[in-house]
Amino acid sequence: MTREEFILELQKININLTEEQLDKLDKFYQLLINWNEKINLTTITKEDDVYLKHFYDSLTLIKVIDLRENLKILDVGSGAGFPGIVLKIVFPNLKITLLDSLNKRINYLNEIIKELELKDIETVGARCEEYTKIHHEEYDLIVSRAVAHLKILLEITFQSIKVKGFLIAMKSNAFDEIKESEDIINKLNGKIIQVEEFNLPKEDSLRTLIKIEKLGTTNNKYPRKYSEIKKSLKK
């Protein structure tokens, strides 16, 4: 996806970028490639592929939620900064926390934030199940892109979502995961309210956005220890 194709495809989902935002995305790409030589961030490095599979893909979140609202967002397993950094560049109104368990990725993310002069965005180095255990009902939206099985992702995140807030899992083919997660969704006091399937432009690979609303307070026994959560996945 060329820069021009990127602009046109975003217009189709009602996103119009300024020159400043495009410049920041260009700079983000260069920083990503430079850092990728030091630490393993992504196997996708060609500019056209990054614009399609990372930048555009991150912004498809707008298909299921209004990102122009002043949302407080937790990006779980932010890794190379997707979708969190891209969301912040394009929607500066968002207040974003980037959560990752590896310090070297946190150092990278801090450098990106500094170099791009982004505001109202912070990083946290922690395991998700430990972080959410002490940050109850803090976020309007938790988003995670290709991080864990939906059943695991639900349990390690749901405690930190505000009542009437949402978890949006960004995945490829997720039919089986959705079926396998029905029981834990009920236990956590959640409900799937939208499943949006579509194909990325140019290559037609499948993407699925699963939007889950938190209907009421989640029992304090969740999240359990990660070892227990993994065991439950096998049942």
C-alpha atoms as a PDB file:
ATOM      1  CA  MET A   1       0.000   0.000   0.000  1.00  0.00           C
ATOM      2  CA  THR A   2       1.590   3.235  -1.121  1.00  0.00           C
ATOM      3  CA  ARG A   3       1.244   6.437   0.869  1.00  0.00           C
ATOM      4  CA  GLU A   4      -1.344   7.677  -1.653  1.00  0.00           C
ATOM      5  CA  GLU A   5      -3.335   4.433  -1.477  1.00  0.00           C
ATOM      6  CA  PHE A   6      -3.175   4.628   2.323  1.00  0.00           C
ATOM      7  CA  ILE A   7      -4.711   8.121   2.262  1.00  0.00           C
ATOM      8  CA  LEU A   8      -7.486   7.070  -0.117  1.00  0.00           C
ATOM      9  CA  GLU A   9      -8.366   3.882   1.783  1.00  0.00           C
ATOM     10  CA  LEU A  10      -8.582   5.818   5.049  1.00  0.00           C
ATOM     11  CA  GLN A  11     -10.945   8.311   3.445  1.00  0.00           C
ATOM     12  CA  LYS A  12     -13.280   5.369   2.723  1.00  0.00           C
ATOM     13  CA  ILE A  13     -13.565   4.783   6.487  1.00  0.00           C
ATOM     14  CA  ASN A  14     -13.974   8.517   7.191  1.00  0.00           C
ATOM     15  CA  ILE A  15     -10.426   9.299   8.300  1.00  0.00           C
ATOM     16  CA  ASN A  16      -8.813  12.349   6.713  1.00  0.00           C
ATOM     17  CA  LEU A  17      -5.180  12.915   7.643  1.00  0.00           C
ATOM     18  CA  THR A  18      -3.374  16.244   7.922  1.00  0.00           C
ATOM     19  CA  GLU A  19       0.121  16.757   6.528  1.00  0.00           C
ATOM     20  CA  GLU A  20       1.441  16.867  10.084  1.00  0.00           C
ATOM     21  CA  GLN A  21      -0.087  13.456  10.830  1.00  0.00           C
ATOM     22  CA  LEU A  22       1.318  11.996   7.613  1.00  0.00           C
ATOM     23  CA  ASP A  23       4.750  13.370   8.480  1.00  0.00           C
ATOM     24  CA  LYS A  24       4.558  11.766  11.938  1.00  0.00           C
ATOM     25  CA  LEU A  25       3.578   8.427  10.434  1.00  0.00           C
ATOM     26  CA  ASP A  26       6.532   8.675   8.035  1.00  0.00           C
ATOM     27  CA  LYS A  27       8.838   9.444  10.941  1.00  0.00           C
ATOM     28  CA  PHE A  28       7.329   6.609  12.975  1.00  0.00           C
ATOM     29  CA  TYR A  29       8.096   4.223  10.124  1.00  0.00           C
ATOM     30  CA  GLN A  30      11.734   5.317   9.982  1.00  0.00           C
ATOM     31  CA  LEU A  31      12.124   5.009  13.761  1.00  0.00           C
ATOM     32  CA  LEU A  32      10.497   1.563  13.699  1.00  0.00           C
ATOM     33  CA  ILE A  33      12.914   0.318  11.056  1.00  0.00           C
ATOM     34  CA  ASN A  34      15.941   1.736  12.885  1.00  0.00           C
ATOM     35  CA  TRP A  35      14.923   0.186  16.208  1.00  0.00           C
ATOM     36  CA  ASN A  36      14.020  -3.098  14.535  1.00  0.00           C
ATOM     37  CA  GLU A  37      17.727  -3.576  13.790  1.00  0.00           C
ATOM     38  CA  LYS A  38      18.434  -3.485  17.560  1.00  0.00           C
ATOM     39  CA  ILE A  39      15.467  -5.378  18.988  1.00  0.00           C
ATOM     40  CA  ASN A  40      12.931  -7.715  17.422  1.00  0.00           C
ATOM     41  CA  LEU A  41       9.779  -5.647  16.891  1.00  0.00           C
ATOM     42  CA  THR A  42       8.270  -6.830  13.607  1.00  0.00           C
ATOM     43  CA  THR A  43       9.018  -9.073  10.645  1.00  0.00           C
ATOM     44  CA  ILE A  44       7.080  -6.656   8.438  1.00  0.00           C
ATOM     45  CA  THR A  45       9.560  -4.008   7.325  1.00  0.00           C
ATOM     46  CA  LYS A  46       8.820  -2.965   3.729  1.00  0.00           C
ATOM     47  CA  GLU A  47       7.239   0.480   3.737  1.00  0.00           C
ATOM     48  CA  ASP A  48       4.177  -0.515   1.698  1.00  0.00           C
ATOM     49  CA  ASP A  49       3.580  -3.512   3.970  1.00  0.00           C
ATOM     50  CA  VAL A  50       3.926  -1.457   7.170  1.00  0.00           C
ATOM     51  CA  TYR A  51       1.425   1.092   5.892  1.00  0.00           C
ATOM     52  CA  LEU A  52      -1.073  -1.661   5.070  1.00  0.00           C
ATOM     53  CA  LYS A  53      -0.556  -4.329   7.750  1.00  0.00           C
ATOM     54  CA  HIS A  54       0.328  -2.057  10.670  1.00  0.00           C
ATOM     55  CA  PHE A  55      -0.811   1.538  10.082  1.00  0.00           C
ATOM     56  CA  TYR A  56      -4.038   0.963   8.134  1.00  0.00           C
ATOM     57  CA  ASP A  57      -4.885  -2.178  10.098  1.00  0.00           C
ATOM     58  CA  SER A  58      -4.550  -0.297  13.403  1.00  0.00           C
ATOM     59  CA  LEU A  59      -6.973   2.383  12.235  1.00  0.00           C
ATOM     60  CA  THR A  60      -9.703  -0.070  11.194  1.00  0.00           C
ATOM     61  CA  LEU A  61     -10.729   0.106  14.855  1.00  0.00           C
ATOM     62  CA  ILE A  62     -12.890   3.050  13.791  1.00  0.00           C
ATOM     63  CA  LYS A  63     -15.244   0.546  12.134  1.00  0.00           C
ATOM     64  CA  VAL A  64     -16.618  -0.404  15.567  1.00  0.00           C
ATOM     65  CA  ILE A  65     -16.044   2.603  17.852  1.00  0.00           C
ATOM     66  CA  ASP A  66     -15.992   6.391  17.574  1.00  0.00           C
ATOM     67  CA  LEU A  67     -12.362   7.318  18.140  1.00  0.00           C
ATOM     68  CA  ARG A  68     -13.165  11.017  18.050  1.00  0.00           C
ATOM     69  CA  GLU A  69     -14.598  10.784  21.560  1.00  0.00           C
ATOM     70  CA  ASN A  70     -12.307  11.525  24.506  1.00  0.00           C
ATOM     71  CA  LEU A  71     -11.672   7.916  25.408  1.00  0.00           C
ATOM     72  CA  LYS A  72      -9.195   6.601  27.961  1.00  0.00           C
ATOM     73  CA  ILE A  73      -7.592   3.577  26.278  1.00  0.00           C
ATOM     74  CA  LEU A  74      -5.332   0.747  27.385  1.00  0.00           C
ATOM     75  CA  ASP A  75      -3.380  -0.901  24.545  1.00  0.00           C
ATOM     76  CA  VAL A  76      -2.479  -4.381  25.812  1.00  0.00           C
ATOM     77  CA  GLY A  77       0.677  -5.933  24.406  1.00  0.00           C
ATOM     78  CA  SER A  78       1.493  -2.780  22.489  1.00  0.00           C
ATOM     79  CA  GLY A  79       4.776  -4.215  21.223  1.00  0.00           C
ATOM     80  CA  ALA A  80       5.975  -2.096  18.301  1.00  0.00           C
ATOM     81  CA  GLY A  81       3.216   0.441  19.015  1.00  0.00           C
ATOM     82  CA  PHE A  82       0.237  -1.011  17.199  1.00  0.00           C
ATOM     83  CA  PRO A  83      -2.410   0.121  17.436  1.00  0.00           C
ATOM     84  CA  GLY A  84      -1.640   2.591  20.259  1.00  0.00           C
ATOM     85  CA  ILE A  85       0.952   4.888  18.665  1.00  0.00           C
ATOM     86  CA  VAL A  86      -0.927   5.053  15.359  1.00  0.00           C
ATOM     87  CA  LEU A  87      -4.187   5.840  17.161  1.00  0.00           C
ATOM     88  CA  LYS A  88      -2.502   8.649  19.096  1.00  0.00           C
ATOM     89  CA  ILE A  89      -1.031  10.227  15.949  1.00  0.00           C
ATOM     90  CA  VAL A  90      -4.357  10.225  14.114  1.00  0.00           C
ATOM     91  CA  PHE A  91      -6.658  10.869  17.088  1.00  0.00           C
ATOM     92  CA  PRO A  92      -4.738  13.161  19.468  1.00  0.00           C
ATOM     93  CA  ASN A  93      -7.859  13.513  21.647  1.00  0.00           C
ATOM     94  CA  LEU A  94      -7.354   9.981  22.975  1.00  0.00           C
ATOM     95  CA  LYS A  95      -5.644   9.360  26.301  1.00  0.00           C
ATOM     96  CA  ILE A  96      -3.613   6.179  25.854  1.00  0.00           C
ATOM     97  CA  THR A  97      -1.625   3.807  28.053  1.00  0.00           C
ATOM     98  CA  LEU A  98       0.709   1.401  26.247  1.00  0.00           C
ATOM     99  CA  LEU A  99       1.165  -1.813  28.238  1.00  0.00           C
ATOM    100  CA  ASP A 100       3.938  -4.288  27.500  1.00  0.00           C
ATOM    101  CA  SER A 101       5.805  -6.805  29.647  1.00  0.00           C
ATOM    102  CA  LEU A 102       9.265  -6.349  28.088  1.00  0.00           C
ATOM    103  CA  ASN A 103      11.421  -3.433  29.244  1.00  0.00           C
ATOM    104  CA  LYS A 104      13.270  -3.179  25.936  1.00  0.00           C
ATOM    105  CA  ARG A 105       9.993  -2.579  24.124  1.00  0.00           C
ATOM    106  CA  ILE A 106       8.970  -0.021  26.762  1.00  0.00           C
ATOM    107  CA  ASN A 107      12.263   1.812  26.156  1.00  0.00           C
ATOM    108  CA  TYR A 108      11.532   1.806  22.433  1.00  0.00           C
ATOM    109  CA  LEU A 109       7.979   3.083  22.935  1.00  0.00           C
ATOM    110  CA  ASN A 110       9.201   5.875  25.223  1.00  0.00           C
ATOM    111  CA  GLU A 111      11.648   6.961  22.530  1.00  0.00           C
ATOM    112  CA  ILE A 112       8.888   6.981  19.891  1.00  0.00           C
ATOM    113  CA  ILE A 113       6.672   9.122  22.139  1.00  0.00           C
ATOM    114  CA  LYS A 114       9.534  11.541  22.718  1.00  0.00           C
ATOM    115  CA  GLU A 115      10.609  11.776  19.069  1.00  0.00           C
ATOM    116  CA  LEU A 116       7.050  12.274  17.791  1.00  0.00           C
ATOM    117  CA  GLU A 117       6.250  14.734  20.620  1.00  0.00           C
ATOM    118  CA  LEU A 118       3.068  12.899  21.559  1.00  0.00           C
ATOM    119  CA  LYS A 119       1.038  14.071  24.567  1.00  0.00           C
ATOM    120  CA  ASP A 120      -1.353  12.268  26.930  1.00  0.00           C
ATOM    121  CA  ILE A 121       0.234   8.911  26.243  1.00  0.00           C
ATOM    122  CA  GLU A 122       2.226   6.813  28.709  1.00  0.00           C
ATOM    123  CA  THR A 123       3.906   3.438  28.897  1.00  0.00           C
ATOM    124  CA  VAL A 124       3.697   0.772  31.592  1.00  0.00           C
ATOM    125  CA  GLY A 125       6.016  -2.204  31.826  1.00  0.00           C
ATOM    126  CA  ALA A 126       4.019  -4.992  33.467  1.00  0.00           C
ATOM    127  CA  ARG A 127       2.192  -8.235  32.859  1.00  0.00           C
ATOM    128  CA  CYS A 128      -1.406  -7.491  32.001  1.00  0.00           C
ATOM    129  CA  GLU A 129      -2.980  -9.762  34.634  1.00  0.00           C
ATOM    130  CA  GLU A 130      -0.914  -8.065  37.349  1.00  0.00           C
ATOM    131  CA  TYR A 131      -1.661  -4.538  36.121  1.00  0.00           C
ATOM    132  CA  THR A 132      -5.417  -4.992  35.753  1.00  0.00           C
ATOM    133  CA  LYS A 133      -5.673  -6.658  39.168  1.00  0.00           C
ATOM    134  CA  ILE A 134      -4.956  -3.273  40.788  1.00  0.00           C
ATOM    135  CA  HIS A 135      -6.427  -0.905  38.169  1.00  0.00           C
ATOM    136  CA  HIS A 136     -10.133  -1.541  38.542  1.00  0.00           C
ATOM    137  CA  GLU A 137     -12.644  -0.019  36.114  1.00  0.00           C
ATOM    138  CA  GLU A 138     -10.186   2.595  34.878  1.00  0.00           C
ATOM    139  CA  TYR A 139     -10.517   2.479  31.074  1.00  0.00           C
ATOM    140  CA  ASP A 140     -13.299   3.293  28.622  1.00  0.00           C
ATOM    141  CA  LEU A 141     -11.720   0.960  26.105  1.00  0.00           C
ATOM    142  CA  ILE A 142      -9.132  -1.784  26.145  1.00  0.00           C
ATOM    143  CA  VAL A 143      -7.757  -2.798  22.773  1.00  0.00           C
ATOM    144  CA  SER A 144      -5.411  -5.609  21.862  1.00  0.00           C
ATOM    145  CA  ARG A 145      -4.095  -6.599  18.468  1.00  0.00           C
ATOM    146  CA  ALA A 146      -3.166 -10.236  17.848  1.00  0.00           C
ATOM    147  CA  VAL A 147      -1.880 -10.803  21.394  1.00  0.00           C
ATOM    148  CA  ALA A 148      -3.565 -13.875  22.932  1.00  0.00           C
ATOM    149  CA  HIS A 149      -6.467 -16.288  22.590  1.00  0.00           C
ATOM    150  CA  LEU A 150      -9.688 -14.372  23.216  1.00  0.00           C
ATOM    151  CA  LYS A 151     -10.472 -16.497  26.285  1.00  0.00           C
ATOM    152  CA  ILE A 152      -7.172 -15.448  27.904  1.00  0.00           C
ATOM    153  CA  LEU A 153      -7.402 -11.853  26.735  1.00  0.00           C
ATOM    154  CA  LEU A 154     -10.836 -11.438  28.292  1.00  0.00           C
ATOM    155  CA  GLU A 155      -9.765 -12.609  31.711  1.00  0.00           C
ATOM    156  CA  ILE A 156      -6.521 -10.624  31.906  1.00  0.00           C
ATOM    157  CA  THR A 157      -8.148  -7.350  30.799  1.00  0.00           C
ATOM    158  CA  PHE A 158     -11.767  -7.191  31.922  1.00  0.00           C
ATOM    159  CA  GLN A 159     -11.210  -6.016  35.488  1.00  0.00           C
ATOM    160  CA  SER A 160      -9.790  -2.700  34.214  1.00  0.00           C
ATOM    161  CA  ILE A 161     -12.709  -1.816  31.943  1.00  0.00           C
ATOM    162  CA  LYS A 162     -15.292   0.660  33.201  1.00  0.00           C
ATOM    163  CA  VAL A 163     -18.876  -0.581  33.422  1.00  0.00           C
ATOM    164  CA  LYS A 164     -20.421   0.164  29.993  1.00  0.00           C
ATOM    165  CA  GLY A 165     -16.893   0.273  28.560  1.00  0.00           C
ATOM    166  CA  PHE A 166     -15.497  -2.097  25.954  1.00  0.00           C
ATOM    167  CA  LEU A 167     -12.828  -4.600  25.052  1.00  0.00           C
ATOM    168  CA  ILE A 168     -12.064  -4.740  21.341  1.00  0.00           C
ATOM    169  CA  ALA A 169      -9.948  -7.677  20.210  1.00  0.00           C
ATOM    170  CA  MET A 170      -8.318  -7.207  16.796  1.00  0.00           C
ATOM    171  CA  LYS A 171      -7.792 -10.593  15.155  1.00  0.00           C
ATOM    172  CA  SER A 172      -7.747 -12.506  11.876  1.00  0.00           C
ATOM    173  CA  ASN A 173     -10.085 -15.510  11.777  1.00  0.00           C
ATOM    174  CA  ALA A 174     -11.679 -15.672  15.236  1.00  0.00           C
ATOM    175  CA  PHE A 175     -14.777 -17.869  14.814  1.00  0.00           C
ATOM    176  CA  ASP A 176     -13.497 -20.722  17.018  1.00  0.00           C
ATOM    177  CA  GLU A 177     -12.127 -18.361  19.663  1.00  0.00           C
ATOM    178  CA  ILE A 178     -15.476 -16.615  19.983  1.00  0.00           C
ATOM    179  CA  LYS A 179     -17.292 -19.923  20.525  1.00  0.00           C
ATOM    180  CA  GLU A 180     -14.696 -21.075  23.068  1.00  0.00           C
ATOM    181  CA  SER A 181     -14.977 -17.797  25.028  1.00  0.00           C
ATOM    182  CA  GLU A 182     -18.732 -17.678  25.594  1.00  0.00           C
ATOM    183  CA  ASP A 183     -18.552 -19.092  29.127  1.00  0.00           C
ATOM    184  CA  ILE A 184     -15.873 -16.715  30.421  1.00  0.00           C
ATOM    185  CA  ILE A 185     -17.621 -13.726  28.843  1.00  0.00           C
ATOM    186  CA  ASN A 186     -20.693 -14.498  30.958  1.00  0.00           C
ATOM    187  CA  LYS A 187     -18.637 -15.040  34.114  1.00  0.00           C
ATOM    188  CA  LEU A 188     -16.886 -11.697  33.660  1.00  0.00           C
ATOM    189  CA  ASN A 189     -20.216  -9.891  33.174  1.00  0.00           C
ATOM    190  CA  GLY A 190     -19.683  -9.110  29.520  1.00  0.00           C
ATOM    191  CA  LYS A 191     -21.527  -9.398  26.226  1.00  0.00           C
ATOM    192  CA  ILE A 192     -20.383  -9.503  22.606  1.00  0.00           C
ATOM    193  CA  ILE A 193     -22.223  -6.678  20.881  1.00  0.00           C
ATOM    194  CA  GLN A 194     -20.484  -6.610  17.498  1.00  0.00           C
ATOM    195  CA  VAL A 195     -18.291  -8.838  15.358  1.00  0.00           C
ATOM    196  CA  GLU A 196     -16.979  -6.995  12.314  1.00  0.00           C
ATOM    197  CA  GLU A 197     -15.316  -9.084   9.620  1.00  0.00           C
ATOM    198  CA  PHE A 198     -13.617  -7.524   6.598  1.00  0.00           C
ATOM    199  CA  ASN A 199     -10.670  -7.961   4.266  1.00  0.00           C
ATOM    200  CA  LEU A 200      -7.652  -5.715   4.152  1.00  0.00           C
ATOM    201  CA  PRO A 201      -7.376  -3.848   0.858  1.00  0.00           C
ATOM    202  CA  LYS A 202      -4.746  -4.978  -1.674  1.00  0.00           C
ATOM    203  CA  GLU A 203      -4.111  -8.464  -0.221  1.00  0.00           C
ATOM    204  CA  ASP A 204      -7.635  -9.460   0.961  1.00  0.00           C
ATOM    205  CA  SER A 205      -6.490 -11.073   4.232  1.00  0.00           C
ATOM    206  CA  LEU A 206      -9.286 -11.561   6.767  1.00  0.00           C
ATOM    207  CA  ARG A 207      -9.604  -9.316   9.808  1.00  0.00           C
ATOM    208  CA  THR A 208     -12.081  -9.569  12.697  1.00  0.00           C
ATOM    209  CA  LEU A 209     -12.931  -6.929  15.291  1.00  0.00           C
ATOM    210  CA  ILE A 210     -14.706  -8.350  18.348  1.00  0.00           C
ATOM    211  CA  LYS A 211     -16.407  -5.703  20.480  1.00  0.00           C
ATOM    212  CA  ILE A 212     -17.382  -6.814  23.985  1.00  0.00           C
ATOM    213  CA  GLU A 213     -19.244  -4.584  26.420  1.00  0.00           C
ATOM    214  CA  LYS A 214     -18.819  -4.757  30.194  1.00  0.00           C
ATOM    215  CA  LEU A 215     -22.350  -4.900  31.599  1.00  0.00           C
ATOM    216  CA  GLY A 216     -21.496  -4.769  35.297  1.00  0.00           C
ATOM    217  CA  THR A 217     -18.730  -5.127  37.858  1.00  0.00           C
ATOM    218  CA  THR A 218     -16.403  -8.096  37.388  1.00  0.00           C
ATOM    219  CA  ASN A 219     -15.884 -10.499  40.293  1.00  0.00           C
ATOM    220  CA  ASN A 220     -12.658  -9.681  42.180  1.00  0.00           C
ATOM    221  CA  LYS A 221     -11.368 -13.240  41.783  1.00  0.00           C
ATOM    222  CA  TYR A 222     -10.541 -12.299  38.183  1.00  0.00           C
ATOM    223  CA  PRO A 223      -8.002 -12.258  36.750  1.00  0.00           C
ATOM    224  CA  ARG A 224      -6.650 -15.468  38.207  1.00  0.00           C
ATOM    225  CA  LYS A 225      -2.969 -16.403  38.116  1.00  0.00           C
ATOM    226  CA  TYR A 226      -1.763 -16.818  34.551  1.00  0.00           C
ATOM    227  CA  SER A 227      -0.994 -20.508  35.115  1.00  0.00           C
ATOM    228  CA  GLU A 228      -4.632 -21.092  36.103  1.00  0.00           C
ATOM    229  CA  ILE A 229      -5.900 -19.161  33.099  1.00  0.00           C
ATOM    230  CA  LYS A 230      -3.727 -21.264  30.762  1.00  0.00           C
ATOM    231  CA  LYS A 231      -5.055 -24.470  32.321  1.00  0.00           C
ATOM    232  CA  SER A 232      -8.639 -23.356  31.710  1.00  0.00           C
ATOM    233  CA  LEU A 233      -7.839 -22.842  28.028  1.00  0.00           C
ATOM    234  CA  LYS A 234      -7.243 -26.572  27.635  1.00  0.00           C
ATOM    235  CA  LYS A 235     -10.669 -27.520  28.990  1.00  0.00           C
END
